[in-house]
Amino acid sequence: MSPDGADMTERETRPQNFVDWCAAHVTGDEKGEAQLFLDHLFRAFGHAGLKEAGATCENRVRKDGGGTAFADLVWKPVVLVEMKKRGTDLAKHYR
């Protein structure tokens, strides 16, 4: 049994189940799919979901030049995720 309570077979199959789910359901629409995608990603790593792991969606982030932007997911202090539509040039969104 692993530390997250899953047997090794389940722990090994969760990532593939996530990939299969994405192939069947994710079309690349950031606004409509980001939170579902992220919740399923957390589940693939053994969490009950992103909220249960302590992550927040649409977290306010202060911009360098003033104003506010929204990060798709913040899981302090582990990761900040900003998603874009499939095929988007990410270099334009680096800052």
Protein backbone atom coordinates (compact mmCIF):
# COMPACT_ATOMS: atom_id res chain seq x y z
CA MET A 1 0.00 0.00 0.00
CA SER A 2 1.37 3.44 -0.93
CA PRO A 3 1.36 6.51 1.37
CA ASP A 4 -1.77 7.87 -0.39
CA GLY A 5 -3.70 4.69 0.48
CA ALA A 6 -3.75 3.25 -3.05
CA ASP A 7 -2.39 -0.13 -3.97
CA MET A 8 0.40 -0.09 -6.56
CA THR A 9 -1.86 -1.13 -9.44
CA GLU A 10 -4.30 1.73 -8.83
CA ARG A 11 -1.42 4.18 -8.36
CA GLU A 12 0.08 3.12 -11.68
CA THR A 13 -3.22 3.27 -13.60
CA ARG A 14 -4.41 6.70 -12.40
CA PRO A 15 -2.10 8.65 -14.76
CA GLN A 16 -3.21 6.56 -17.75
CA ASN A 17 -6.85 7.02 -16.77
CA PHE A 18 -6.22 10.79 -16.75
CA VAL A 19 -4.63 10.65 -20.22
CA ASP A 20 -7.57 8.60 -21.51
CA TRP A 21 -10.08 11.03 -19.96
CA CYS A 22 -8.29 13.98 -21.58
CA ALA A 23 -8.30 12.30 -24.97
CA ALA A 24 -12.04 11.71 -24.71
CA HIS A 25 -13.14 15.01 -23.17
CA VAL A 26 -10.62 17.85 -23.52
CA THR A 27 -10.98 19.91 -26.69
CA GLY A 28 -8.58 22.70 -25.74
CA ASP A 29 -11.08 25.35 -24.62
CA GLU A 30 -9.34 27.07 -21.71
CA LYS A 31 -12.35 28.84 -20.23
CA GLY A 32 -14.66 25.86 -20.31
CA GLU A 33 -12.26 23.09 -19.37
CA ALA A 34 -9.42 24.42 -17.20
CA GLN A 35 -10.94 23.67 -13.80
CA LEU A 36 -12.20 20.23 -14.80
CA PHE A 37 -8.81 19.38 -16.31
CA LEU A 38 -6.97 20.52 -13.17
CA ASP A 39 -9.30 18.63 -10.83
CA HIS A 40 -8.76 15.43 -12.83
CA LEU A 41 -4.99 16.09 -12.82
CA PHE A 42 -4.99 16.26 -9.01
CA ARG A 43 -6.99 13.03 -8.88
CA ALA A 44 -4.42 11.37 -11.16
CA PHE A 45 -1.82 12.09 -8.48
CA GLY A 46 -3.91 10.56 -5.72
CA HIS A 47 -5.70 13.60 -4.28
CA ALA A 48 -9.47 13.59 -3.77
CA GLY A 49 -9.55 16.74 -5.94
CA LEU A 50 -7.87 20.13 -6.22
CA LYS A 51 -9.93 21.75 -3.44
CA GLU A 52 -9.28 18.82 -1.11
CA ALA A 53 -5.54 19.26 -1.75
CA GLY A 54 -5.76 22.94 -0.75
CA ALA A 55 -5.51 24.52 -4.21
CA THR A 56 -7.61 27.48 -5.35
CA CYS A 57 -8.88 28.41 -8.80
CA GLU A 58 -9.03 31.87 -10.35
CA ASN A 59 -6.70 33.27 -7.70
CA ARG A 60 -6.12 37.05 -7.93
CA VAL A 61 -2.57 37.99 -8.92
CA ARG A 62 -1.32 41.58 -8.88
CA LYS A 63 0.20 42.63 -12.23
CA ASP A 64 3.61 44.37 -12.38
CA GLY A 65 2.17 47.48 -14.04
CA GLY A 66 -0.88 47.62 -11.79
CA GLY A 67 -4.21 45.93 -12.01
CA THR A 68 -5.21 42.36 -11.36
CA ALA A 69 -4.99 39.13 -13.32
CA PHE A 70 -6.31 35.70 -12.37
CA ALA A 71 -4.18 32.57 -12.14
CA ASP A 72 -6.07 29.45 -13.16
CA LEU A 73 -4.78 27.55 -10.13
CA VAL A 74 -2.59 28.30 -7.14
CA TRP A 75 -1.42 25.55 -4.81
CA LYS A 76 0.87 27.30 -2.35
CA PRO A 77 3.78 26.82 -2.12
CA VAL A 78 3.88 24.07 -4.73
CA VAL A 79 2.70 25.49 -8.07
CA LEU A 80 0.92 28.27 -9.94
CA VAL A 81 -0.84 27.13 -13.13
CA GLU A 82 -1.90 29.44 -15.95
CA MET A 83 -3.61 27.62 -18.78
CA LYS A 84 -4.02 28.78 -22.35
CA LYS A 85 -5.93 27.43 -25.32
CA ARG A 86 -4.16 24.62 -27.15
CA GLY A 87 -1.78 26.03 -29.78
CA THR A 88 -1.33 29.42 -28.06
CA ASP A 89 2.19 30.91 -28.17
CA LEU A 90 3.08 30.77 -24.48
CA ALA A 91 6.02 33.17 -24.89
CA LYS A 92 3.46 35.98 -25.15
CA HIS A 93 2.14 35.17 -21.69
CA TYR A 94 5.39 34.58 -19.79
CA ARG A 95 5.33 37.70 -17.61
